[in-house]
Amino acid sequence: MNEMLLSILLIIFGLVCGFGLTFLVAYIREGTTSKKIDKMLSDAEKNADKIKRDAVMEAKEKSYQLKLEVDKDIKEKKSELKDSENKLLQREASLDKRDELCQRRESTLDEREEKLIQRQKDIQEKEAKVEEIKKEQISLLEEISGYSKEKAHDLIMKNVKESMSREIAIYISEQENDAKMTADKKAQEMIVSSMQKYAADIASDQTVTVVSLPNDEMKGRLIGREGRNIRTIEAVTGVDLIIDDTPEAVVLSSFDPLRREMARLTLETLIKDGRVHPTRIEEVYDKVCKETKEKILEYGNSALFELGITKMAPELIEVIGRLHFRTSYGQNALQHSIEVANLAGLIAGEIGEDVSLAKRAGLLHDIGKAVDHEIEGSHVSIGVELAKKYGENDVVINSIASHHGDIEPTSVIASLVAVADALSATRPGARNDSLENYVKRLTQLEEVANDIEGVSKSYAMQAGRELRVIVEPDEIDDLEAHRVARDIKEKVESTLNYPGTIKITVVRETRAIEEAK
């Protein structure tokens, strides 16, 4: 028990001693810290005073510097103002002098104006006197000559008009002769050069095709029981099948070369196969249609390859291939287009134009003929629409539109295509023409010339390539003959459609006949 009390007392004593020591240490530390704080405050006050003094000194120095700079600027501004004032004074003095000079000039001008007015009055008076004298002289001349002023004027104008018209006719004749000599020579050189560089075979297609048969028995098989086979062939192909007495041959008749070609291939396949009945005919025709479409693309690509033309729409290539099965006056349309393209390219090369573009325009100039039997409109308008649809060049479109003279060409290449088209169409053997159309063209040509006043007779010669015109010598003189030839040329160009060119020759002959008795 005592030991426990002792332990408790020792513990209490230890706690009291610990608290006392702790308090003592804290007191000592507090005293040391307060001293340090006082010292730091003192040092801070000293530094603040020093900074304040330095800042005041620096501010005073800057203020002084600013004052010096401001004084300097003020002095400079004053100097500039003084200079400006001096200049203004000088200008004012100069303006005063100018004002004085202007006043002097104004007074001088006033004097001159008065003199001019007076001189004008004098001139007007003199002119009035001259007019009076002129009228007196004119009236005197009219009395002497017996002609009034108006009558004399009309007579002089008539003489001048006659002499001038004669001189103009002579001048026009001379210029036309010079131009023809130069232009014809140059054009002939280029055309002959181009034609020498290009040559094509003469080919002519007809409206019928003859298919050979191995024997006459095949005719009966083609006709079939009660004619069902021949009716099926004609219905499927759209071609007339003519079976006559010609041995071992049948005739296919159609104005559409493509249909005629497909019918020919169908018949040849049926003849080789030996099986001829309606179902087989339809099968073979469907197969031939597919093969023909491939051939059409082959013809189109072959034409492009031959001419060196690239980058064309596949649909347009197919239309070009279809030209192989179209004809114009017996001339194959694709062959004609290739020929025009080559001629246009050669002439373009001679004169420095774009050869590739000229060939492209020449190939596509008749593209409308491939589908003109399917679409309403002329082959020119259809061709223009096709070219626009497939994004062709504006030069190509204009070449298509202008190659028959429907509109004016807007480029040299368009004119070249028209020339090449005429060369290809008019060369010997290129086209067939019916007797009726031939006679009609010659008659129209002669009628155009006969309608001109002063023409006695006219004769179409050289298959319509030349027109000889005989005029009345009493009504038409030598100079008027040139005018008549030019009038006939313009009328022929505006009213007739003809291939190539027509030479017009006006003949004036005077015969003096007397009879001696």
Protein backbone atom coordinates (compact mmCIF):
# COMPACT_ATOMS: atom_id res chain seq x y z
CA MET A 1 0.00 0.00 0.00
CA ASN A 2 2.78 2.37 0.97
CA GLU A 3 4.70 1.43 -2.07
CA MET A 4 1.72 2.23 -4.19
CA LEU A 5 1.36 5.66 -2.60
CA LEU A 6 5.01 6.26 -3.08
CA SER A 7 4.77 5.35 -6.72
CA ILE A 8 1.82 7.67 -7.21
CA LEU A 9 3.67 10.52 -5.52
CA LEU A 10 6.71 9.92 -7.65
CA ILE A 11 4.57 9.96 -10.72
CA ILE A 12 2.91 13.22 -9.67
CA PHE A 13 6.30 14.73 -8.92
CA GLY A 14 7.59 13.64 -12.28
CA LEU A 15 4.63 15.20 -14.02
CA VAL A 16 5.04 18.48 -12.11
CA CYS A 17 8.73 18.56 -12.91
CA GLY A 18 8.01 17.82 -16.61
CA PHE A 19 5.43 20.58 -16.84
CA GLY A 20 7.80 22.99 -15.17
CA LEU A 21 10.67 22.19 -17.48
CA THR A 22 8.37 22.48 -20.48
CA PHE A 23 7.15 25.90 -19.38
CA LEU A 24 10.72 27.03 -18.74
CA VAL A 25 11.89 25.99 -22.20
CA ALA A 26 8.92 27.66 -23.85
CA TYR A 27 9.61 30.92 -22.00
CA ILE A 28 13.23 30.92 -23.03
CA ARG A 29 12.34 30.28 -26.67
CA GLU A 30 9.73 33.05 -26.66
CA GLY A 31 12.27 35.56 -25.48
CA THR A 32 14.76 34.61 -28.19
CA THR A 33 12.09 34.77 -30.93
CA SER A 34 10.86 38.24 -29.87
CA LYS A 35 14.43 39.56 -30.03
CA LYS A 36 14.83 38.21 -33.55
CA ILE A 37 11.52 39.72 -34.65
CA ASP A 38 12.49 43.12 -33.22
CA LYS A 39 15.79 42.96 -35.08
CA MET A 40 14.10 42.01 -38.36
CA LEU A 41 11.58 44.85 -37.97
CA SER A 42 14.38 47.28 -37.34
CA ASP A 43 16.31 46.11 -40.40
CA ALA A 44 13.13 46.28 -42.54
CA GLU A 45 12.49 49.88 -41.44
CA LYS A 46 16.05 50.83 -42.35
CA ASN A 47 15.77 49.15 -45.82
CA ALA A 48 12.40 50.80 -46.44
CA ASP A 49 13.85 54.24 -45.67
CA LYS A 50 16.76 53.57 -48.01
CA ILE A 51 14.46 52.36 -50.85
CA LYS A 52 12.22 55.36 -50.33
CA ARG A 53 15.17 57.74 -50.57
CA ASP A 54 16.49 55.97 -53.71
CA ALA A 55 13.03 56.05 -55.35
CA VAL A 56 12.65 59.76 -54.65
CA MET A 57 16.10 60.46 -56.13
CA GLU A 58 15.34 58.37 -59.22
CA ALA A 59 11.95 60.08 -59.71
CA LYS A 60 13.58 63.49 -59.47
CA GLU A 61 16.23 62.48 -62.01
CA LYS A 62 13.62 61.16 -64.46
CA SER A 63 11.52 64.27 -64.04
CA TYR A 64 14.55 66.37 -64.85
CA GLN A 65 15.32 64.32 -67.96
CA LEU A 66 11.69 64.59 -69.13
CA LYS A 67 11.80 68.33 -68.63
CA LEU A 68 14.95 68.57 -70.76
CA GLU A 69 13.37 66.48 -73.53
CA VAL A 70 10.15 68.51 -73.45
CA ASP A 71 12.13 71.75 -73.65
CA LYS A 72 14.06 70.36 -76.60
CA ASP A 73 10.84 69.33 -78.42
CA ILE A 74 9.29 72.73 -77.77
CA LYS A 75 12.34 74.45 -79.26
CA GLU A 76 12.18 72.20 -82.36
CA LYS A 77 8.44 72.82 -82.79
CA LYS A 78 8.98 76.55 -82.47
CA SER A 79 11.71 76.35 -85.11
CA GLU A 80 9.44 74.37 -87.45
CA LEU A 81 6.57 76.79 -86.90
CA LYS A 82 8.83 79.68 -87.68
CA ASP A 83 10.00 78.01 -90.91
CA SER A 84 6.39 77.24 -91.89
CA GLU A 85 5.43 80.85 -91.17
CA ASN A 86 8.26 82.07 -93.41
CA LYS A 87 7.16 79.74 -96.19
CA LEU A 88 3.55 80.89 -95.87
CA LEU A 89 4.67 84.50 -96.09
CA GLN A 90 6.68 83.71 -99.23
CA ARG A 91 3.70 81.91 -100.77
CA GLU A 92 1.42 84.76 -99.90
CA ALA A 93 3.77 87.15 -101.64
CA SER A 94 3.94 84.82 -104.69
CA LEU A 95 0.15 84.58 -104.80
CA ASP A 96 -0.11 88.34 -104.68
CA LYS A 97 2.20 88.57 -107.67
CA ARG A 98 0.21 85.94 -109.56
CA ASP A 99 -3.03 87.70 -108.75
CA GLU A 100 -1.61 90.87 -110.15
CA LEU A 101 -0.48 89.05 -113.33
CA CYS A 102 -3.92 87.42 -113.70
CA GLN A 103 -5.60 90.79 -113.44
CA ARG A 104 -3.32 92.15 -116.14
CA ARG A 105 -4.03 89.13 -118.38
CA GLU A 106 -7.75 89.47 -117.76
CA SER A 107 -7.72 93.05 -118.86
CA THR A 108 -5.67 92.04 -121.95
CA LEU A 109 -8.15 89.27 -122.77
CA ASP A 110 -11.05 91.66 -122.43
CA GLU A 111 -9.42 93.94 -124.94
CA ARG A 112 -8.77 91.02 -127.32
CA GLU A 113 -12.36 89.83 -126.93
CA GLU A 114 -13.66 93.25 -127.88
CA LYS A 115 -11.36 93.24 -130.93
CA LEU A 116 -12.53 89.71 -131.91
CA ILE A 117 -16.17 90.68 -131.60
CA GLN A 118 -15.58 93.65 -133.79
CA ARG A 119 -13.63 91.51 -136.31
CA GLN A 120 -16.44 88.91 -136.30
CA LYS A 121 -18.96 91.63 -137.10
CA ASP A 122 -16.74 92.80 -139.97
CA ILE A 123 -16.41 89.21 -141.30
CA GLN A 124 -20.17 88.67 -141.11
CA GLU A 125 -20.75 91.84 -143.05
CA LYS A 126 -18.20 90.74 -145.65
CA GLU A 127 -19.77 87.26 -145.86
CA ALA A 128 -23.19 88.79 -146.39
CA LYS A 129 -21.75 90.87 -149.21
CA VAL A 130 -20.00 87.75 -150.68
CA GLU A 131 -23.29 85.80 -150.54
CA GLU A 132 -25.07 88.60 -152.36
CA ILE A 133 -22.35 88.67 -155.02
CA LYS A 134 -22.42 84.84 -155.22
CA LYS A 135 -26.19 84.81 -155.75
CA GLU A 136 -25.85 87.46 -158.43
CA GLN A 137 -23.10 85.43 -160.16
CA ILE A 138 -25.13 82.18 -159.92
CA SER A 139 -28.22 83.83 -161.34
CA LEU A 140 -26.08 85.31 -164.12
CA LEU A 141 -24.53 81.86 -164.85
CA GLU A 142 -27.99 80.25 -164.89
CA GLU A 143 -29.15 82.84 -167.43
CA ILE A 144 -26.05 82.27 -169.59
CA SER A 145 -26.06 78.42 -169.39
CA GLY A 146 -29.80 77.91 -169.43
CA TYR A 147 -29.55 75.47 -166.45
CA SER A 148 -30.87 76.02 -162.96
CA LYS A 149 -28.71 75.25 -159.93
CA GLU A 150 -30.65 72.07 -159.10
CA LYS A 151 -30.57 70.83 -162.70
CA ALA A 152 -26.83 71.45 -163.01
CA HIS A 153 -26.27 69.65 -159.67
CA ASP A 154 -28.27 66.62 -160.85
CA LEU A 155 -26.38 66.55 -164.16
CA ILE A 156 -22.98 66.70 -162.43
CA MET A 157 -23.96 64.02 -159.91
CA LYS A 158 -25.15 61.77 -162.72
CA ASN A 159 -21.84 62.17 -164.58
CA VAL A 160 -19.85 61.57 -161.41
CA LYS A 161 -21.94 58.49 -160.55
CA GLU A 162 -21.42 57.01 -164.01
CA SER A 163 -17.69 57.66 -163.97
CA MET A 164 -17.32 56.38 -160.40
CA SER A 165 -19.36 53.23 -161.05
CA ARG A 166 -17.12 52.52 -164.03
CA GLU A 167 -13.97 53.09 -161.97
CA ILE A 168 -15.37 50.98 -159.11
CA ALA A 169 -16.21 48.16 -161.53
CA ILE A 170 -12.67 48.34 -162.98
CA TYR A 171 -11.14 48.36 -159.49
CA ILE A 172 -13.29 45.44 -158.30
CA SER A 173 -12.44 43.46 -161.42
CA GLU A 174 -8.70 44.05 -160.95
CA GLN A 175 -8.82 43.19 -157.25
CA GLU A 176 -10.87 40.06 -157.90
CA ASN A 177 -8.41 38.91 -160.54
CA ASP A 178 -5.43 39.52 -158.24
CA ALA A 179 -7.14 37.80 -155.31
CA LYS A 180 -8.19 34.85 -157.46
CA MET A 181 -4.69 34.42 -158.85
CA THR A 182 -3.13 34.44 -155.38
CA ALA A 183 -5.84 32.57 -153.47
CA ASP A 184 -6.47 29.95 -156.16
CA LYS A 185 -2.78 29.20 -156.50
CA LYS A 186 -2.25 28.85 -152.75
CA ALA A 187 -5.44 26.83 -152.25
CA GLN A 188 -4.60 24.53 -155.16
CA GLU A 189 -1.13 23.94 -153.78
CA MET A 190 -2.47 23.00 -150.32
CA ILE A 191 -5.33 20.86 -151.62
CA VAL A 192 -3.18 19.03 -154.19
CA SER A 193 -0.48 18.47 -151.58
CA SER A 194 -3.03 17.05 -149.14
CA MET A 195 -4.69 14.87 -151.77
CA GLN A 196 -1.31 13.52 -152.88
CA LYS A 197 -0.53 12.53 -149.31
CA TYR A 198 -3.85 10.71 -148.92
CA ALA A 199 -5.53 8.24 -151.25
CA ALA A 200 -8.57 6.03 -150.63
CA ASP A 201 -10.23 3.30 -152.62
CA ILE A 202 -13.42 4.07 -154.48
CA ALA A 203 -16.22 2.00 -152.99
CA SER A 204 -19.94 2.01 -153.62
CA ASP A 205 -22.65 0.23 -151.62
CA GLN A 206 -26.02 -0.70 -153.03
CA THR A 207 -29.42 -1.29 -151.45
CA VAL A 208 -29.46 -5.04 -152.09
CA THR A 209 -27.28 -7.96 -151.03
CA VAL A 210 -27.03 -11.31 -152.79
CA VAL A 211 -26.58 -14.44 -150.67
CA SER A 212 -25.27 -17.57 -152.42
CA LEU A 213 -26.94 -20.93 -151.76
CA PRO A 214 -25.28 -24.34 -151.98
CA ASN A 215 -28.21 -25.66 -154.06
CA ASP A 216 -31.75 -24.81 -155.13
CA GLU A 217 -33.16 -27.14 -152.49
CA MET A 218 -32.12 -24.62 -149.84
CA LYS A 219 -34.58 -22.12 -151.33
CA GLY A 220 -37.47 -24.35 -150.39
CA ARG A 221 -36.11 -24.83 -146.88
CA LEU A 222 -35.78 -21.05 -146.48
CA ILE A 223 -39.38 -20.61 -147.60
CA GLY A 224 -40.60 -23.35 -145.25
CA ARG A 225 -44.02 -24.94 -144.97
CA GLU A 226 -46.62 -22.43 -146.14
CA GLY A 227 -43.90 -19.75 -146.16
CA ARG A 228 -43.51 -19.63 -142.37
CA ASN A 229 -39.70 -19.54 -142.46
CA ILE A 230 -39.46 -16.64 -144.91
CA ARG A 231 -42.10 -14.70 -143.00
CA THR A 232 -40.16 -15.23 -139.75
CA ILE A 233 -36.91 -14.10 -141.38
CA GLU A 234 -38.52 -10.94 -142.77
CA ALA A 235 -40.31 -10.16 -139.49
CA VAL A 236 -37.22 -10.69 -137.33
CA THR A 237 -34.65 -8.94 -139.54
CA GLY A 238 -36.89 -6.25 -141.10
CA VAL A 239 -35.46 -7.08 -144.55
CA ASP A 240 -37.30 -8.20 -147.69
CA LEU A 241 -36.20 -11.67 -148.85
CA ILE A 242 -36.52 -11.98 -152.64
CA ILE A 243 -36.44 -15.52 -154.00
CA ASP A 244 -36.69 -15.57 -157.79
CA ASP A 245 -35.52 -17.77 -160.64
CA THR A 246 -31.88 -16.89 -160.13
CA PRO A 247 -30.11 -20.21 -159.53
CA GLU A 248 -28.48 -20.80 -156.14
CA ALA A 249 -29.00 -17.23 -154.89
CA VAL A 250 -31.45 -15.13 -152.89
CA VAL A 251 -31.61 -11.35 -152.69
CA LEU A 252 -31.89 -9.28 -149.49
CA SER A 253 -33.45 -5.88 -150.09
CA SER A 254 -33.42 -2.99 -147.59
CA PHE A 255 -32.40 0.66 -147.45
CA ASP A 256 -30.83 0.05 -144.03
CA PRO A 257 -27.35 -1.46 -144.57
CA LEU A 258 -27.13 -2.55 -140.92
CA ARG A 259 -30.33 -4.58 -141.14
CA ARG A 260 -29.23 -6.02 -144.48
CA GLU A 261 -25.86 -7.05 -143.06
CA MET A 262 -27.45 -8.71 -140.00
CA ALA A 263 -29.91 -10.54 -142.26
CA ARG A 264 -27.04 -11.74 -144.47
CA LEU A 265 -25.11 -13.11 -141.50
CA THR A 266 -28.27 -14.77 -140.17
CA LEU A 267 -28.96 -16.48 -143.51
CA GLU A 268 -25.37 -17.64 -143.96
CA THR A 269 -25.36 -19.12 -140.45
CA LEU A 270 -28.67 -20.91 -141.08
CA ILE A 271 -27.40 -22.26 -144.42
CA LYS A 272 -24.23 -23.64 -142.81
CA ASP A 273 -26.18 -25.11 -139.90
CA GLY A 274 -28.84 -26.65 -142.12
CA ARG A 275 -31.59 -26.29 -139.51
CA VAL A 276 -34.14 -23.73 -140.67
CA HIS A 277 -37.23 -23.21 -138.55
CA PRO A 278 -38.73 -20.17 -136.72
CA THR A 279 -37.20 -20.90 -133.31
CA ARG A 280 -33.74 -21.48 -134.79
CA ILE A 281 -34.06 -18.32 -136.88
CA GLU A 282 -34.74 -16.23 -133.75
CA GLU A 283 -31.83 -17.85 -131.87
CA VAL A 284 -29.40 -17.21 -134.71
CA TYR A 285 -30.62 -13.61 -135.13
CA ASP A 286 -30.11 -12.88 -131.41
CA LYS A 287 -26.59 -14.27 -131.63
CA VAL A 288 -25.87 -12.21 -134.77
CA CYS A 289 -27.14 -9.06 -133.00
CA LYS A 290 -24.60 -9.53 -130.20
CA GLU A 291 -21.79 -10.23 -132.66
CA THR A 292 -22.76 -7.21 -134.76
CA LYS A 293 -22.64 -4.93 -131.71
CA GLU A 294 -19.10 -6.16 -131.04
CA LYS A 295 -18.24 -5.52 -134.69
CA ILE A 296 -19.65 -2.00 -134.46
CA LEU A 297 -17.38 -1.25 -131.48
CA GLU A 298 -14.49 -2.81 -133.40
CA TYR A 299 -15.17 -0.55 -136.42
CA GLY A 300 -15.31 2.51 -134.15
CA ASN A 301 -12.10 1.68 -132.29
CA SER A 302 -10.37 0.82 -135.57
CA ALA A 303 -11.26 4.26 -136.98
CA LEU A 304 -9.92 5.98 -133.85
CA PHE A 305 -6.73 3.90 -133.99
CA GLU A 306 -6.22 4.66 -137.67
CA LEU A 307 -6.53 8.41 -137.06
CA GLY A 308 -4.62 8.44 -133.76
CA ILE A 309 -7.56 9.86 -131.79
CA THR A 310 -7.82 9.12 -128.06
CA LYS A 311 -10.15 9.84 -125.12
CA MET A 312 -13.62 9.50 -126.56
CA ALA A 313 -16.83 8.38 -124.84
CA PRO A 314 -17.57 4.65 -125.43
CA GLU A 315 -21.15 5.49 -126.47
CA LEU A 316 -19.83 7.89 -129.13
CA ILE A 317 -17.38 5.22 -130.37
CA GLU A 318 -20.33 2.88 -130.88
CA VAL A 319 -22.16 5.56 -132.89
CA ILE A 320 -19.03 6.03 -135.05
CA GLY A 321 -18.94 2.27 -135.69
CA ARG A 322 -22.56 2.36 -136.86
CA LEU A 323 -21.51 4.77 -139.62
CA HIS A 324 -19.98 1.71 -141.34
CA PHE A 325 -23.51 0.56 -142.11
CA ARG A 326 -24.75 3.94 -143.42
CA THR A 327 -24.32 5.31 -146.93
CA SER A 328 -24.79 8.62 -148.71
CA TYR A 329 -25.23 8.48 -152.48
CA GLY A 330 -23.67 5.03 -152.34
CA GLN A 331 -20.60 6.25 -150.38
CA ASN A 332 -19.84 4.47 -147.10
CA ALA A 333 -20.36 7.03 -144.31
CA LEU A 334 -17.57 5.74 -142.03
CA GLN A 335 -15.06 5.59 -144.88
CA HIS A 336 -16.13 9.08 -145.93
CA SER A 337 -15.69 10.39 -142.34
CA ILE A 338 -12.21 8.82 -142.07
CA GLU A 339 -11.28 10.32 -145.43
CA VAL A 340 -12.51 13.77 -144.35
CA ALA A 341 -10.57 13.45 -141.08
CA ASN A 342 -7.34 12.57 -142.92
CA LEU A 343 -7.77 15.39 -145.47
CA ALA A 344 -8.61 17.93 -142.74
CA GLY A 345 -5.58 16.81 -140.72
CA LEU A 346 -3.26 17.10 -143.73
CA ILE A 347 -4.50 20.59 -144.64
CA ALA A 348 -4.31 21.65 -140.96
CA GLY A 349 -0.69 20.49 -140.89
CA GLU A 350 0.06 22.58 -143.99
CA ILE A 351 -1.23 25.81 -142.40
CA GLY A 352 -0.06 25.19 -138.82
CA GLU A 353 -3.39 24.32 -137.15
CA ASP A 354 -4.08 21.60 -134.54
CA VAL A 355 -3.90 18.36 -136.59
CA SER A 356 -5.44 16.15 -133.89
CA LEU A 357 -8.41 18.47 -133.36
CA ALA A 358 -8.94 18.77 -137.13
CA LYS A 359 -9.02 14.96 -137.47
CA ARG A 360 -11.47 14.67 -134.57
CA ALA A 361 -13.79 17.27 -136.11
CA GLY A 362 -13.53 15.58 -139.54
CA LEU A 363 -14.37 12.15 -138.12
CA LEU A 364 -17.42 13.44 -136.21
CA HIS A 365 -18.77 15.87 -138.85
CA ASP A 366 -21.38 13.34 -140.14
CA ILE A 367 -21.96 11.50 -136.85
CA GLY A 368 -25.67 12.34 -137.00
CA LYS A 369 -26.10 10.09 -140.07
CA ALA A 370 -25.60 7.03 -137.87
CA VAL A 371 -28.90 7.64 -136.06
CA ASP A 372 -30.85 10.07 -138.26
CA HIS A 373 -33.24 7.26 -139.26
CA GLU A 374 -34.05 6.72 -135.57
CA ILE A 375 -34.20 10.33 -134.31
CA GLU A 376 -36.23 13.12 -135.85
CA GLY A 377 -34.21 15.99 -137.34
CA SER A 378 -31.39 16.60 -139.81
CA HIS A 379 -28.10 14.77 -139.41
CA VAL A 380 -26.44 18.14 -138.67
CA SER A 381 -28.68 18.99 -135.70
CA ILE A 382 -28.53 15.40 -134.42
CA GLY A 383 -24.73 15.42 -134.68
CA VAL A 384 -24.51 18.70 -132.76
CA GLU A 385 -26.69 17.28 -129.97
CA LEU A 386 -24.58 14.10 -129.76
CA ALA A 387 -21.33 16.09 -129.61
CA LYS A 388 -22.71 18.32 -126.84
CA LYS A 389 -24.06 15.31 -124.94
CA TYR A 390 -20.68 13.60 -124.84
CA GLY A 391 -18.68 16.77 -124.03
CA GLU A 392 -16.86 17.41 -127.31
CA ASN A 393 -14.82 20.55 -127.95
CA ASP A 394 -16.65 23.72 -129.10
CA VAL A 395 -14.56 23.70 -132.31
CA VAL A 396 -15.79 20.16 -133.08
CA ILE A 397 -19.40 21.16 -132.40
CA ASN A 398 -19.14 24.20 -134.68
CA SER A 399 -17.49 22.07 -137.40
CA ILE A 400 -20.46 19.69 -137.31
CA ALA A 401 -22.97 22.55 -137.39
CA SER A 402 -21.29 24.54 -140.18
CA HIS A 403 -19.95 21.90 -142.61
CA HIS A 404 -23.05 22.30 -144.84
CA GLY A 405 -23.14 26.10 -144.48
CA ASP A 406 -26.14 26.17 -142.11
CA ILE A 407 -24.24 28.55 -139.81
CA GLU A 408 -21.02 30.51 -140.10
CA PRO A 409 -17.79 28.70 -139.06
CA THR A 410 -16.12 30.23 -136.01
CA SER A 411 -12.68 28.64 -136.49
CA VAL A 412 -10.22 27.76 -139.22
CA ILE A 413 -10.66 24.06 -138.45
CA ALA A 414 -14.41 24.28 -139.11
CA SER A 415 -13.66 25.73 -142.57
CA LEU A 416 -11.08 23.00 -143.19
CA VAL A 417 -13.64 20.31 -142.37
CA ALA A 418 -16.08 21.81 -144.89
CA VAL A 419 -13.32 21.85 -147.55
CA ALA A 420 -12.31 18.26 -146.77
CA ASP A 421 -15.96 17.16 -146.87
CA ALA A 422 -16.36 18.69 -150.34
CA LEU A 423 -13.13 17.05 -151.56
CA SER A 424 -14.17 13.63 -150.30
CA ALA A 425 -17.70 13.86 -151.66
CA THR A 426 -16.89 15.25 -155.11
CA ARG A 427 -13.90 13.22 -156.17
CA PRO A 428 -14.63 10.98 -159.20
CA GLY A 429 -16.44 7.78 -158.30
CA ALA A 430 -17.02 8.72 -154.67
CA ARG A 431 -20.80 8.95 -154.93
CA ASN A 432 -23.64 7.79 -157.09
CA ASP A 433 -26.36 10.15 -158.23
CA SER A 434 -29.66 9.34 -159.86
CA LEU A 435 -30.41 10.68 -163.35
CA GLU A 436 -33.45 12.51 -162.02
CA ASN A 437 -31.45 14.42 -159.36
CA TYR A 438 -28.69 15.13 -161.87
CA VAL A 439 -31.06 16.66 -164.45
CA LYS A 440 -32.91 18.60 -161.75
CA ARG A 441 -29.69 20.13 -160.46
CA LEU A 442 -28.58 21.23 -163.94
CA THR A 443 -32.02 22.70 -164.68
CA GLN A 444 -32.04 24.72 -161.46
CA LEU A 445 -28.54 25.99 -162.20
CA GLU A 446 -29.57 27.26 -165.63
CA GLU A 447 -32.77 28.84 -164.24
CA VAL A 448 -30.77 30.84 -161.68
CA ALA A 449 -28.69 32.37 -164.47
CA ASN A 450 -31.65 33.01 -166.78
CA ASP A 451 -33.40 35.07 -164.08
CA ILE A 452 -30.64 37.71 -164.18
CA GLU A 453 -31.51 40.76 -166.30
CA GLY A 454 -29.50 40.96 -169.53
CA VAL A 455 -28.81 37.19 -169.76
CA SER A 456 -29.67 35.70 -173.15
CA LYS A 457 -28.93 32.00 -172.61
CA SER A 458 -27.16 29.81 -170.09
CA TYR A 459 -25.72 26.30 -170.32
CA ALA A 460 -24.73 23.98 -167.46
CA MET A 461 -21.60 22.06 -168.48
CA GLN A 462 -19.07 19.61 -167.07
CA ALA A 463 -21.74 17.70 -165.09
CA GLY A 464 -22.81 20.91 -163.39
CA ARG A 465 -19.27 22.01 -162.53
CA GLU A 466 -19.34 24.95 -164.98
CA LEU A 467 -22.03 27.42 -166.04
CA ARG A 468 -21.64 29.27 -169.34
CA VAL A 469 -23.75 32.44 -169.51
CA ILE A 470 -24.31 34.41 -172.74
CA VAL A 471 -25.45 38.03 -172.25
CA GLU A 472 -26.99 40.56 -174.58
CA PRO A 473 -24.12 42.78 -175.85
CA ASP A 474 -26.41 45.80 -176.30
CA GLU A 475 -27.55 45.70 -172.65
CA ILE A 476 -24.39 44.48 -170.88
CA ASP A 477 -20.95 46.00 -171.46
CA ASP A 478 -17.62 44.40 -170.58
CA LEU A 479 -17.54 45.85 -167.05
CA GLU A 480 -21.17 44.92 -166.39
CA ALA A 481 -20.29 41.34 -167.36
CA HIS A 482 -18.16 41.08 -164.20
CA ARG A 483 -21.10 42.29 -162.11
CA VAL A 484 -23.41 39.72 -163.75
CA ALA A 485 -20.94 36.91 -162.98
CA ARG A 486 -20.72 38.05 -159.36
CA ASP A 487 -24.54 38.29 -159.04
CA ILE A 488 -24.98 34.78 -160.44
CA LYS A 489 -22.33 33.43 -158.08
CA GLU A 490 -24.05 34.96 -155.03
CA LYS A 491 -27.47 33.70 -156.15
CA VAL A 492 -26.16 30.16 -156.74
CA GLU A 493 -24.50 30.10 -153.31
CA SER A 494 -27.64 31.31 -151.56
CA THR A 495 -30.29 29.21 -153.35
CA LEU A 496 -28.74 25.89 -154.49
CA ASN A 497 -27.24 22.89 -152.70
CA TYR A 498 -24.36 21.39 -154.68
CA PRO A 499 -21.13 19.49 -153.99
CA GLY A 500 -17.78 21.10 -154.73
CA THR A 501 -17.50 24.32 -156.73
CA ILE A 502 -19.16 25.74 -159.85
CA LYS A 503 -17.21 27.85 -162.35
CA ILE A 504 -19.30 30.70 -163.82
CA THR A 505 -18.22 32.12 -167.21
CA VAL A 506 -20.02 35.13 -168.69
CA VAL A 507 -19.63 35.50 -172.48
CA ARG A 508 -20.33 38.81 -174.26
CA GLU A 509 -19.98 38.80 -178.03
CA THR A 510 -20.71 41.56 -180.56
CA ARG A 511 -21.08 40.68 -184.23
CA ALA A 512 -21.29 43.31 -186.98
CA ILE A 513 -22.96 41.86 -190.08
CA GLU A 514 -23.46 43.61 -193.40
CA GLU A 515 -24.58 42.18 -196.73
CA ALA A 516 -22.91 43.41 -199.91
CA LYS A 517 -25.08 43.51 -203.03
